[in-house]
């Protein structure tokens, strides 16, 4: 009996160890990045038992996005929505998804008293055409177009599975379709039976967190929306969606004045009372629609609307940089939580190879406090495909001795076990000091921001090293490294001399980095 007891105990221990190991594996996190998904960039984070489970979830998510894009796209002439618009005045058979989105559009148009209106696409086209002609629309053009917008309509008949558009006025689902697709794609990806317990989908700054996952999400500063900028706020998000709308990514200039790309359907004019609006809601489609509404309505009306929606909260930034918050935001998200930055690392400054402290033009003046160096770059689409993967990218600055002073960008795919910082980025990875410095800092931030074009990014250097200390003016080298697993490797280097004189330089692109430029400028110039 004693032997049997020992065998039983041993078996129980083995089983317990297996279950514990399996549970631990389920806590692993995997990350994937794609460009040109719904016309912007996509981040997917998956909490899964294995890398294979995570990659299968990624495939399910991508397939669902592609399927729904072919239903709801306003840009694809062959999409179901485009085909519906090609037959005004007729009721045609429509998918459950298209009927659902059209019904949500009706709900938000009524709730916002017309601020949300898919027919505002007519205003977008009017202003775009006038901008190409170098003029603003006249009063007659605005009145005529506004009338078309107000008369436009659509109908849904769930019983007969029919839908129709009532007037020959262009419609767009851009203010809700992305959120709706995120909701559906998340449900497709989250499958506990297939080893996936949590995930986050972020498409162009609109995102939702699903299942057993909590994510820290930054809210982009509309006046400083670079990869290195500190956010206005940082939220702990679980089981919620976050969407941000604003005029700082896709506005346009006309006669020296910048206008928002968001138009008020009531007036026909660009919305100008809000710079940025962020909404937290239970679904991504609701957050998406509400973020647009809060960019159009006066802030006090937006707050009143949000207060009446269960589970919703908003943060609105006005042109004078003042911030308005709903009561739900103040209660749940108000505390300002800073991202962990290099300047906050409780570490001594690193030493250069050989033991000496790094130096950069020690006799020169300290970097001017009102200057910054901004690097704009675009990820190339190497195969010309509609959707493409983002390569690993590292961007950093070395001093005149070749010692790394500041890491600005570090992007990598975490798709399985292995080194935290992948050695495919050879030049960056070879510096043991640099790797140790940022080994516990996640430079891949999840940020809710206004939607930007695919593959286009900016990183700004504030003149501080990785230990948070101001550097001196003098000679430095900017490096941009890009690589793919079992693929191409590219490196851009450019020597730069920093003083108190602004400059702009174009950098030679390559297979992975289509184009890049560096601008040394006064910070005030970046806000104009």
Protein backbone atom coordinates (compact mmCIF):
# COMPACT_ATOMS: atom_id res chain seq x y z
CA UNK A 1 0.00 0.00 0.00
CA UNK A 2 2.85 2.34 0.84
CA UNK A 3 4.35 1.77 -2.59
CA UNK A 4 0.99 2.41 -4.24
CA UNK A 5 0.62 5.60 -2.19
CA UNK A 6 4.06 6.76 -3.30
CA UNK A 7 3.17 5.98 -6.93
CA UNK A 8 -0.15 7.83 -6.59
CA UNK A 9 1.58 10.79 -4.97
CA UNK A 10 4.20 10.82 -7.70
CA UNK A 11 1.52 10.71 -10.39
CA UNK A 12 -0.36 13.54 -8.68
CA UNK A 13 2.86 15.58 -8.53
CA UNK A 14 3.54 14.97 -12.24
CA UNK A 15 -0.04 15.94 -13.12
CA UNK A 16 0.17 19.03 -10.92
CA UNK A 17 3.46 20.02 -12.52
CA UNK A 18 1.99 19.54 -16.01
CA UNK A 19 -1.09 21.65 -15.18
CA UNK A 20 1.04 24.35 -13.58
CA UNK A 21 3.38 24.45 -16.57
CA UNK A 22 0.44 24.57 -18.95
CA UNK A 23 -1.12 27.44 -17.00
CA UNK A 24 2.18 29.30 -17.03
CA UNK A 25 2.45 28.88 -20.77
CA UNK A 26 -1.02 30.39 -21.13
CA UNK A 27 0.37 33.63 -19.70
CA UNK A 28 2.80 34.10 -22.58
CA UNK A 29 2.30 37.21 -24.66
CA UNK A 30 2.87 37.46 -28.41
CA UNK A 31 2.83 40.53 -30.65
CA UNK A 32 2.30 41.00 -34.40
CA UNK A 33 2.43 44.16 -36.53
CA UNK A 34 1.07 44.85 -40.01
CA UNK A 35 0.83 47.88 -42.29
CA UNK A 36 -1.95 48.94 -44.65
CA UNK A 37 -4.72 47.20 -42.76
CA UNK A 38 -7.92 49.19 -43.37
CA UNK A 39 -5.67 51.94 -44.70
CA UNK A 40 -3.51 52.26 -41.58
CA UNK A 41 -1.28 50.27 -39.20
CA UNK A 42 -2.31 47.34 -37.01
CA UNK A 43 -0.99 45.95 -33.74
CA UNK A 44 -2.17 42.60 -32.37
CA UNK A 45 -1.18 41.30 -28.95
CA UNK A 46 -2.21 37.76 -28.06
CA UNK A 47 -2.16 35.97 -24.72
CA UNK A 48 -1.86 32.31 -25.65
CA UNK A 49 -0.55 28.95 -24.51
CA UNK A 50 1.93 28.64 -27.39
CA UNK A 51 3.31 30.62 -30.28
CA UNK A 52 1.41 28.39 -32.70
CA UNK A 53 -1.86 29.18 -30.90
CA UNK A 54 -1.05 32.90 -31.15
CA UNK A 55 -0.22 32.71 -34.85
CA UNK A 56 -3.44 30.85 -35.57
CA UNK A 57 -5.34 33.57 -33.71
CA UNK A 58 -3.54 36.19 -35.79
CA UNK A 59 -4.64 34.37 -38.96
CA UNK A 60 -8.27 34.23 -37.79
CA UNK A 61 -8.17 37.94 -37.01
CA UNK A 62 -6.68 38.87 -40.39
CA UNK A 63 -9.17 36.69 -42.26
CA UNK A 64 -12.12 38.28 -40.46
CA UNK A 65 -10.80 41.78 -41.14
CA UNK A 66 -10.42 41.01 -44.82
CA UNK A 67 -13.90 39.47 -45.00
CA UNK A 68 -15.59 42.45 -43.34
CA UNK A 69 -13.56 44.99 -45.30
CA UNK A 70 -15.06 43.51 -48.46
CA UNK A 71 -18.49 44.10 -46.92
CA UNK A 72 -18.08 47.60 -45.44
CA UNK A 73 -15.32 49.35 -47.43
CA UNK A 74 -16.08 52.77 -48.86
CA UNK A 75 -12.97 52.59 -51.07
CA UNK A 76 -13.41 49.20 -52.73
CA UNK A 77 -15.87 49.54 -55.62
CA UNK A 78 -16.62 45.82 -55.39
CA UNK A 79 -17.54 45.86 -51.69
CA UNK A 80 -21.11 45.12 -50.68
CA UNK A 81 -21.54 48.65 -49.33
CA UNK A 82 -20.26 50.23 -52.54
CA UNK A 83 -22.56 48.03 -54.61
CA UNK A 84 -25.50 49.11 -52.46
CA UNK A 85 -24.67 52.78 -53.10
CA UNK A 86 -24.49 52.10 -56.84
CA UNK A 87 -28.23 51.35 -56.76
CA UNK A 88 -29.90 54.33 -55.04
CA UNK A 89 -33.62 54.02 -54.48
CA UNK A 90 -33.56 50.22 -54.61
CA UNK A 91 -33.80 47.73 -51.79
CA UNK A 92 -31.40 44.84 -52.22
CA UNK A 93 -30.48 41.78 -50.22
CA UNK A 94 -27.85 42.70 -47.65
CA UNK A 95 -25.66 40.74 -45.27
CA UNK A 96 -26.34 40.74 -41.55
CA UNK A 97 -23.14 42.74 -40.97
CA UNK A 98 -24.06 45.53 -43.39
CA UNK A 99 -27.58 45.76 -41.99
CA UNK A 100 -26.19 45.87 -38.46
CA UNK A 101 -23.77 48.74 -39.24
CA UNK A 102 -26.45 50.76 -41.06
CA UNK A 103 -28.76 50.36 -38.09
CA UNK A 104 -25.98 51.54 -35.76
CA UNK A 105 -25.49 54.56 -38.03
CA UNK A 106 -29.18 55.43 -37.65
CA UNK A 107 -28.94 55.08 -33.89
CA UNK A 108 -25.93 57.38 -33.59
CA UNK A 109 -27.32 59.92 -36.06
CA UNK A 110 -30.44 60.22 -33.88
CA UNK A 111 -28.54 60.22 -30.58
CA UNK A 112 -26.19 62.98 -31.77
CA UNK A 113 -28.94 65.05 -33.41
CA UNK A 114 -27.26 64.74 -36.78
CA UNK A 115 -23.62 65.27 -35.77
CA UNK A 116 -22.93 61.68 -36.82
CA UNK A 117 -23.96 61.26 -40.44
CA UNK A 118 -22.39 58.95 -43.05
CA UNK A 119 -23.58 61.42 -45.71
CA UNK A 120 -20.93 63.90 -44.51
CA UNK A 121 -18.83 62.21 -47.20
CA UNK A 122 -20.41 64.73 -49.61
CA UNK A 123 -18.80 67.54 -47.61
CA UNK A 124 -15.44 65.78 -47.65
CA UNK A 125 -15.58 65.58 -51.43
CA UNK A 126 -16.68 69.21 -51.80
CA UNK A 127 -13.90 70.57 -49.61
CA UNK A 128 -11.29 68.29 -51.20
CA UNK A 129 -12.20 69.52 -54.67
CA UNK A 130 -12.17 73.17 -53.57
CA UNK A 131 -8.81 72.66 -51.83
CA UNK A 132 -7.37 71.36 -55.12
CA UNK A 133 -8.60 74.60 -56.69
CA UNK A 134 -7.02 76.64 -53.90
CA UNK A 135 -10.28 78.06 -52.54
CA UNK A 136 -12.97 77.52 -49.94
CA UNK A 137 -16.52 76.52 -50.94
CA UNK A 138 -18.85 79.46 -51.40
CA UNK A 139 -22.09 79.82 -49.48
CA UNK A 140 -24.17 78.43 -52.33
CA UNK A 141 -22.06 75.29 -52.63
CA UNK A 142 -22.19 74.73 -48.88
CA UNK A 143 -25.96 75.18 -48.72
CA UNK A 144 -26.59 72.83 -51.63
CA UNK A 145 -24.30 70.14 -50.23
CA UNK A 146 -25.66 70.48 -46.71
CA UNK A 147 -29.16 69.97 -48.10
CA UNK A 148 -28.04 66.76 -49.83
CA UNK A 149 -26.51 65.56 -46.57
CA UNK A 150 -29.73 66.19 -44.63
CA UNK A 151 -31.88 64.47 -47.25
CA UNK A 152 -29.66 61.40 -47.52
CA UNK A 153 -30.98 58.29 -45.89
CA UNK A 154 -30.85 54.53 -45.76
CA UNK A 155 -33.25 51.80 -44.74
CA UNK A 156 -32.93 48.31 -43.29
CA UNK A 157 -35.47 45.50 -43.32
CA UNK A 158 -34.22 42.68 -41.12
CA UNK A 159 -37.26 40.50 -41.76
CA UNK A 160 -36.60 40.34 -45.51
CA UNK A 161 -32.80 40.89 -45.12
CA UNK A 162 -32.92 43.99 -47.32
CA UNK A 163 -31.23 47.40 -47.27
CA UNK A 164 -31.29 50.46 -49.47
CA UNK A 165 -30.04 54.03 -49.82
CA UNK A 166 -32.72 56.64 -50.39
CA UNK A 167 -30.86 59.41 -52.20
CA UNK A 168 -28.01 59.79 -54.66
CA UNK A 169 -25.64 61.17 -52.03
CA UNK A 170 -22.30 59.53 -51.22
CA UNK A 171 -22.08 57.77 -47.87
CA UNK A 172 -19.12 56.50 -45.90
CA UNK A 173 -18.88 54.11 -42.97
CA UNK A 174 -15.39 55.31 -42.02
CA UNK A 175 -16.52 56.66 -38.64
CA UNK A 176 -17.82 53.29 -37.44
CA UNK A 177 -16.66 50.44 -39.69
CA UNK A 178 -13.17 50.15 -38.23
CA UNK A 179 -14.50 49.78 -34.72
CA UNK A 180 -17.13 47.29 -35.86
CA UNK A 181 -14.49 45.20 -37.61
CA UNK A 182 -12.28 45.26 -34.49
CA UNK A 183 -15.19 43.91 -32.43
CA UNK A 184 -15.84 41.07 -34.87
CA UNK A 185 -12.16 40.25 -35.43
CA UNK A 186 -11.58 40.06 -31.69
CA UNK A 187 -14.39 37.55 -31.28
CA UNK A 188 -12.88 35.49 -34.10
CA UNK A 189 -9.43 35.52 -32.51
CA UNK A 190 -10.40 34.92 -28.88
CA UNK A 191 -10.90 31.17 -28.46
CA UNK A 192 -10.02 29.49 -25.19
CA UNK A 193 -10.50 26.07 -26.75
CA UNK A 194 -7.64 26.94 -29.09
CA UNK A 195 -5.34 28.23 -26.38
CA UNK A 196 -6.13 31.97 -26.61
CA UNK A 197 -7.27 33.61 -23.37
CA UNK A 198 -6.82 37.31 -24.16
CA UNK A 199 -5.91 39.70 -26.93
CA UNK A 200 -5.69 43.31 -28.00
CA UNK A 201 -6.39 44.64 -31.49
CA UNK A 202 -5.26 48.17 -32.31
CA UNK A 203 -6.00 49.42 -35.83
CA UNK A 204 -4.83 52.95 -36.44
CA UNK A 205 -5.33 54.01 -32.83
CA UNK A 206 -8.79 52.47 -32.36
CA UNK A 207 -8.50 49.43 -30.12
CA UNK A 208 -10.23 46.93 -27.90
CA UNK A 209 -8.97 44.57 -25.22
CA UNK A 210 -10.61 41.12 -25.04
CA UNK A 211 -10.63 38.30 -22.51
CA UNK A 212 -8.10 37.85 -19.71
CA UNK A 213 -5.81 40.70 -20.65
CA UNK A 214 -5.10 44.12 -19.22
CA UNK A 215 -3.25 46.60 -21.40
CA UNK A 216 -1.70 49.97 -20.68
CA UNK A 217 -2.82 52.37 -23.39
CA UNK A 218 -1.39 55.83 -23.97
CA UNK A 219 -3.51 58.71 -25.28
CA UNK A 220 -1.53 60.63 -27.90
CA UNK A 221 -0.76 64.29 -27.35
CA UNK A 222 -2.22 66.08 -30.43
CA UNK A 223 0.67 68.54 -30.34
CA UNK A 224 3.38 65.91 -30.03
CA UNK A 225 2.30 62.65 -31.64
CA UNK A 226 5.64 60.95 -32.25
CA UNK A 227 6.76 57.45 -31.26
CA UNK A 228 8.88 58.90 -28.44
CA UNK A 229 6.42 61.47 -27.07
CA UNK A 230 4.92 61.05 -23.63
CA UNK A 231 1.15 60.61 -23.82
CA UNK A 232 -1.43 62.91 -22.30
CA UNK A 233 -2.71 60.02 -20.21
CA UNK A 234 -2.03 56.34 -19.77
CA UNK A 235 -4.96 54.04 -19.01
CA UNK A 236 -5.24 50.51 -17.70
CA UNK A 237 -7.77 48.93 -20.08
CA UNK A 238 -9.50 45.60 -19.56
CA UNK A 239 -12.60 44.43 -21.43
CA UNK A 240 -13.07 47.88 -22.98
CA UNK A 241 -12.53 49.70 -26.25
CA UNK A 242 -10.72 53.01 -26.78
CA UNK A 243 -10.94 55.28 -29.84
CA UNK A 244 -9.41 58.68 -30.54
CA UNK A 245 -10.42 61.16 -33.21
CA UNK A 246 -8.73 64.44 -34.05
CA UNK A 247 -7.50 66.83 -36.69
CA UNK A 248 -3.75 66.45 -36.12
CA UNK A 249 -3.02 63.49 -38.43
CA UNK A 250 -5.15 63.98 -41.54
CA UNK A 251 -6.17 67.63 -41.73
CA UNK A 252 -5.46 69.83 -44.74
CA UNK A 253 -4.15 73.35 -45.37
CA UNK A 254 -5.94 75.98 -47.39
CA UNK A 255 -4.64 79.54 -47.85
CA UNK A 256 -2.18 79.10 -44.99
CA UNK A 257 -4.78 77.82 -42.53
CA UNK A 258 -5.06 74.27 -41.31
CA UNK A 259 -8.50 72.63 -41.35
CA UNK A 260 -9.82 69.43 -39.82
CA UNK A 261 -10.75 66.53 -42.10
CA UNK A 262 -13.86 66.07 -39.93
CA UNK A 263 -16.90 68.07 -41.08
CA UNK A 264 -19.97 69.19 -39.20
CA UNK A 265 -23.00 67.92 -41.18
CA UNK A 266 -25.12 70.75 -39.74
CA UNK A 267 -22.94 73.65 -40.92
CA UNK A 268 -20.94 72.05 -43.72
CA UNK A 269 -17.74 73.49 -42.17
CA UNK A 270 -14.66 71.71 -40.77
CA UNK A 271 -15.07 70.93 -37.08
CA UNK A 272 -12.91 73.38 -35.12
CA UNK A 273 -13.98 73.21 -31.47
CA UNK A 274 -11.95 70.11 -30.57
CA UNK A 275 -8.37 69.05 -31.27
CA UNK A 276 -8.65 65.52 -29.93
CA UNK A 277 -11.40 63.38 -28.44
CA UNK A 278 -10.86 60.00 -26.81
CA UNK A 279 -13.73 57.73 -25.81
CA UNK A 280 -13.73 54.56 -23.73
CA UNK A 281 -16.76 52.32 -24.34
CA UNK A 282 -17.88 48.72 -24.11
CA UNK A 283 -17.52 48.12 -27.87
CA UNK A 284 -15.10 49.44 -30.45
CA UNK A 285 -17.92 50.41 -32.82
CA UNK A 286 -19.49 52.60 -30.11
CA UNK A 287 -16.13 54.13 -29.18
CA UNK A 288 -15.37 54.80 -32.86
CA UNK A 289 -18.69 56.57 -33.52
CA UNK A 290 -18.62 58.50 -30.25
CA UNK A 291 -15.06 59.75 -30.81
CA UNK A 292 -16.22 61.30 -34.09
CA UNK A 293 -19.32 62.79 -32.48
CA UNK A 294 -17.21 64.30 -29.68
CA UNK A 295 -14.98 65.90 -32.33
CA UNK A 296 -17.97 67.70 -33.87
CA UNK A 297 -20.32 68.69 -31.05
CA UNK A 298 -19.44 71.48 -28.62
CA UNK A 299 -17.62 69.84 -25.68
CA UNK A 300 -20.45 70.48 -23.22
CA UNK A 301 -22.93 68.66 -25.49
CA UNK A 302 -20.51 65.77 -25.93
CA UNK A 303 -20.15 65.43 -22.18
CA UNK A 304 -23.93 65.40 -21.77
CA UNK A 305 -24.23 62.65 -24.40
CA UNK A 306 -21.48 60.51 -22.85
CA UNK A 307 -22.95 60.87 -19.36
CA UNK A 308 -26.11 59.13 -20.58
CA UNK A 309 -24.31 56.06 -22.00
CA UNK A 310 -23.55 53.23 -19.60
CA UNK A 311 -19.88 52.29 -19.45
CA UNK A 312 -18.72 55.24 -21.57
CA UNK A 313 -16.22 57.97 -20.69
CA UNK A 314 -14.44 60.68 -22.68
CA UNK A 315 -11.47 63.02 -22.61
CA UNK A 316 -11.67 66.07 -24.90
CA UNK A 317 -8.74 68.37 -25.72
CA UNK A 318 -9.71 71.86 -26.92
CA UNK A 319 -7.69 74.15 -29.22
CA UNK A 320 -6.49 76.19 -26.22
CA UNK A 321 -5.04 72.92 -24.82
CA UNK A 322 -7.53 72.77 -21.97
CA UNK A 323 -8.97 69.35 -21.18
CA UNK A 324 -12.60 68.42 -20.53
CA UNK A 325 -13.51 65.08 -18.95
CA UNK A 326 -16.72 63.21 -18.32
CA UNK A 327 -17.50 62.08 -14.79
CA UNK A 328 -16.78 58.48 -15.78
CA UNK A 329 -13.31 59.49 -16.94
CA UNK A 330 -12.58 61.38 -13.74
CA UNK A 331 -13.67 58.42 -11.65
CA UNK A 332 -11.90 55.66 -13.59
CA UNK A 333 -9.10 57.17 -15.68
CA UNK A 334 -8.30 60.60 -14.27
CA UNK A 335 -5.01 59.94 -12.42
CA UNK A 336 -2.12 60.92 -14.65
CA UNK A 337 0.23 57.94 -14.98
CA UNK A 338 3.49 58.57 -16.80
CA UNK A 339 5.04 55.98 -19.06
CA UNK A 340 8.28 54.51 -17.80
CA UNK A 341 10.91 56.37 -19.76
CA UNK A 342 14.67 56.11 -19.85
CA UNK A 343 14.96 59.12 -17.58
CA UNK A 344 13.00 57.24 -14.91
CA UNK A 345 15.16 54.12 -14.88
CA UNK A 346 16.86 53.77 -11.47
CA UNK A 347 20.18 53.00 -13.08
CA UNK A 348 23.56 54.61 -13.16
CA UNK A 349 24.65 56.05 -16.51
CA UNK A 350 26.14 53.29 -18.67
CA UNK A 351 29.81 53.14 -19.36
CA UNK A 352 31.39 52.91 -22.77
CA UNK A 353 33.45 49.88 -23.78
CA UNK A 354 36.64 49.88 -21.72
CA UNK A 355 34.98 51.33 -18.62
CA UNK A 356 35.00 55.05 -19.39
CA UNK A 357 31.85 57.16 -19.21
CA UNK A 358 30.31 58.18 -22.54
CA UNK A 359 31.23 61.61 -23.75
CA UNK A 360 29.91 63.83 -26.51
CA UNK A 361 31.63 67.07 -27.34
CA UNK A 362 32.48 67.79 -23.70
CA UNK A 363 33.66 71.34 -24.44
CA UNK A 364 30.53 72.23 -26.37
CA UNK A 365 27.42 73.94 -25.12
CA UNK A 366 24.55 71.91 -23.75
CA UNK A 367 21.78 71.01 -26.18
CA UNK A 368 19.43 74.05 -26.45
CA UNK A 369 16.35 73.34 -24.34
CA UNK A 370 13.95 74.61 -27.02
CA UNK A 371 15.34 72.33 -29.77
CA UNK A 372 14.46 68.79 -30.82
CA UNK A 373 15.53 66.42 -33.56
CA UNK A 374 12.63 64.81 -35.42
CA UNK A 375 13.11 61.82 -37.71
CA UNK A 376 10.26 61.05 -40.13
CA UNK A 377 10.34 57.72 -41.92
CA UNK A 378 8.11 55.42 -43.95
CA UNK A 379 8.11 51.63 -43.93
CA UNK A 380 8.39 50.24 -47.45
CA UNK A 381 5.97 47.77 -48.96
CA UNK A 382 8.60 45.41 -50.43
CA UNK A 383 6.22 43.17 -52.36
CA UNK A 384 3.63 45.73 -53.37
CA UNK A 385 0.95 43.71 -51.56
CA UNK A 386 -2.17 45.20 -50.07
CA UNK A 387 -1.17 44.22 -46.52
CA UNK A 388 2.42 43.85 -45.44
CA UNK A 389 4.30 42.98 -42.28
CA UNK A 390 6.33 45.55 -40.43
CA UNK A 391 10.02 44.63 -40.14
CA UNK A 392 12.06 44.82 -36.96
CA UNK A 393 13.26 48.41 -36.66
CA UNK A 394 15.77 50.06 -34.35
CA UNK A 395 16.61 53.76 -34.42
CA UNK A 396 19.23 55.26 -32.15
CA UNK A 397 21.93 57.91 -31.84
CA UNK A 398 25.65 57.31 -31.20
CA UNK A 399 28.21 59.87 -30.04
CA UNK A 400 31.43 60.65 -31.91
CA UNK A 401 33.11 57.68 -30.17
CA UNK A 402 30.48 55.29 -31.49
CA UNK A 403 28.83 54.79 -28.10
CA UNK A 404 25.00 54.62 -28.10
CA UNK A 405 23.53 57.72 -26.50
CA UNK A 406 19.79 57.28 -26.98
CA UNK A 407 17.49 54.58 -28.38
CA UNK A 408 14.47 56.19 -30.06
CA UNK A 409 12.66 53.26 -31.66
CA UNK A 410 12.84 49.52 -31.06
CA UNK A 411 10.20 47.40 -32.81
CA UNK A 412 10.19 43.64 -32.88
CA UNK A 413 7.80 40.75 -33.41
CA UNK A 414 7.34 38.58 -30.36
CA UNK A 415 6.06 35.44 -32.06
CA UNK A 416 7.67 32.73 -29.98
CA UNK A 417 10.29 31.92 -27.37
CA UNK A 418 13.71 33.47 -27.78
CA UNK A 419 15.72 36.56 -26.86
CA UNK A 420 13.68 39.55 -25.74
CA UNK A 421 15.62 41.80 -28.13
CA UNK A 422 16.14 39.87 -31.33
CA UNK A 423 19.70 39.64 -32.67
CA UNK A 424 18.46 40.17 -36.24
CA UNK A 425 19.05 43.87 -35.50
CA UNK A 426 22.79 43.21 -35.59
CA UNK A 427 24.24 46.69 -35.07
CA UNK A 428 21.87 47.63 -32.30
CA UNK A 429 22.04 44.24 -30.58
CA UNK A 430 25.82 44.05 -30.45
CA UNK A 431 26.02 46.73 -27.79
CA UNK A 432 25.68 44.83 -24.53
CA UNK A 433 25.50 48.08 -22.58
CA UNK A 434 22.56 49.35 -24.60
CA UNK A 435 20.71 46.07 -24.41
CA UNK A 436 21.11 45.91 -20.63
CA UNK A 437 19.94 49.51 -20.26
CA UNK A 438 16.55 48.99 -21.89
CA UNK A 439 16.10 45.29 -21.21
CA UNK A 440 13.22 45.99 -18.82
CA UNK A 441 11.65 48.82 -20.80
CA UNK A 442 9.00 48.20 -23.45
CA UNK A 443 9.55 50.63 -26.30
CA UNK A 444 6.58 49.25 -28.22
CA UNK A 445 3.75 51.36 -26.87
CA UNK A 446 0.05 50.81 -27.43
CA UNK A 447 -1.35 54.25 -28.21
CA UNK A 448 -4.83 55.50 -29.05
CA UNK A 449 -4.46 58.30 -31.59
CA UNK A 450 -6.14 59.80 -34.61
CA UNK A 451 -5.81 57.47 -37.61
CA UNK A 452 -2.64 58.00 -39.64
CA UNK A 453 -1.51 56.71 -43.03
CA UNK A 454 0.04 53.21 -43.11
CA UNK A 455 3.75 52.90 -42.55
CA UNK A 456 4.42 56.56 -41.72
CA UNK A 457 6.04 57.35 -38.38
CA UNK A 458 7.99 60.03 -36.57
CA UNK A 459 10.38 59.85 -33.64
CA UNK A 460 11.62 62.92 -31.78
CA UNK A 461 14.80 63.26 -29.72
CA UNK A 462 14.66 65.80 -26.89
CA UNK A 463 18.43 66.02 -26.37
CA UNK A 464 18.65 63.63 -23.43
CA UNK A 465 20.63 60.41 -23.22
CA UNK A 466 19.26 57.05 -22.08
CA UNK A 467 19.91 58.03 -18.46
CA UNK A 468 17.81 61.18 -18.83
CA UNK A 469 20.72 63.63 -18.80
CA UNK A 470 21.07 66.47 -21.35
CA UNK A 471 23.76 65.90 -23.95
CA UNK A 472 26.13 68.44 -25.45
CA UNK A 473 25.98 69.97 -28.88
CA UNK A 474 28.39 68.38 -31.29
CA UNK A 475 28.80 65.49 -33.73
CA UNK A 476 26.57 62.42 -33.60
CA UNK A 477 25.51 59.57 -35.84
CA UNK A 478 21.88 58.66 -36.48
CA UNK A 479 21.28 54.99 -37.29
CA UNK A 480 18.13 53.34 -38.61
CA UNK A 481 18.34 49.55 -38.78
CA UNK A 482 15.66 47.31 -40.31
CA UNK A 483 15.61 43.52 -40.65
CA UNK A 484 13.34 40.58 -41.24
CA UNK A 485 13.73 37.05 -39.96
CA UNK A 486 15.26 35.02 -42.78
CA UNK A 487 15.02 38.10 -44.97
CA UNK A 488 16.66 41.37 -45.88
CA UNK A 489 18.88 43.45 -43.61
CA UNK A 490 19.24 47.22 -44.09
CA UNK A 491 21.11 49.99 -42.29
CA UNK A 492 20.96 53.76 -42.73
CA UNK A 493 23.65 55.89 -41.06
CA UNK A 494 24.00 59.65 -41.20
CA UNK A 495 26.51 61.84 -39.38
CA UNK A 496 24.88 64.98 -38.02
CA UNK A 497 26.23 68.06 -36.30
CA UNK A 498 23.93 69.59 -33.71
CA UNK A 499 24.28 73.17 -32.51
CA UNK A 500 21.83 76.06 -32.29
CA UNK A 501 21.11 76.16 -36.02
CA UNK A 502 18.09 74.33 -37.48
CA UNK A 503 18.48 72.09 -40.54
CA UNK A 504 16.60 69.52 -42.61
CA UNK A 505 18.24 66.57 -44.41
CA UNK A 506 16.79 63.82 -46.58
CA UNK A 507 18.17 60.30 -46.07
CA UNK A 508 18.58 57.64 -48.72
CA UNK A 509 15.87 54.99 -48.47
CA UNK A 510 16.27 51.25 -49.00
CA UNK A 511 14.28 48.03 -49.35
CA UNK A 512 12.73 48.29 -45.88
CA UNK A 513 12.75 52.03 -45.15
CA UNK A 514 11.18 53.70 -48.16
CA UNK A 515 12.20 57.23 -47.16
CA UNK A 516 13.48 59.13 -44.16
CA UNK A 517 14.36 62.69 -43.20
CA UNK A 518 15.85 64.35 -40.16
CA UNK A 519 14.87 67.83 -39.00
CA UNK A 520 16.69 69.67 -36.24
CA UNK A 521 14.28 72.40 -35.20
CA UNK A 522 12.86 74.56 -32.51
CA UNK A 523 10.03 72.79 -30.71
CA UNK A 524 7.65 75.64 -31.49
CA UNK A 525 8.15 75.00 -35.23
CA UNK A 526 6.75 71.47 -34.85
CA UNK A 527 3.45 72.78 -33.51
CA UNK A 528 2.76 75.21 -36.36
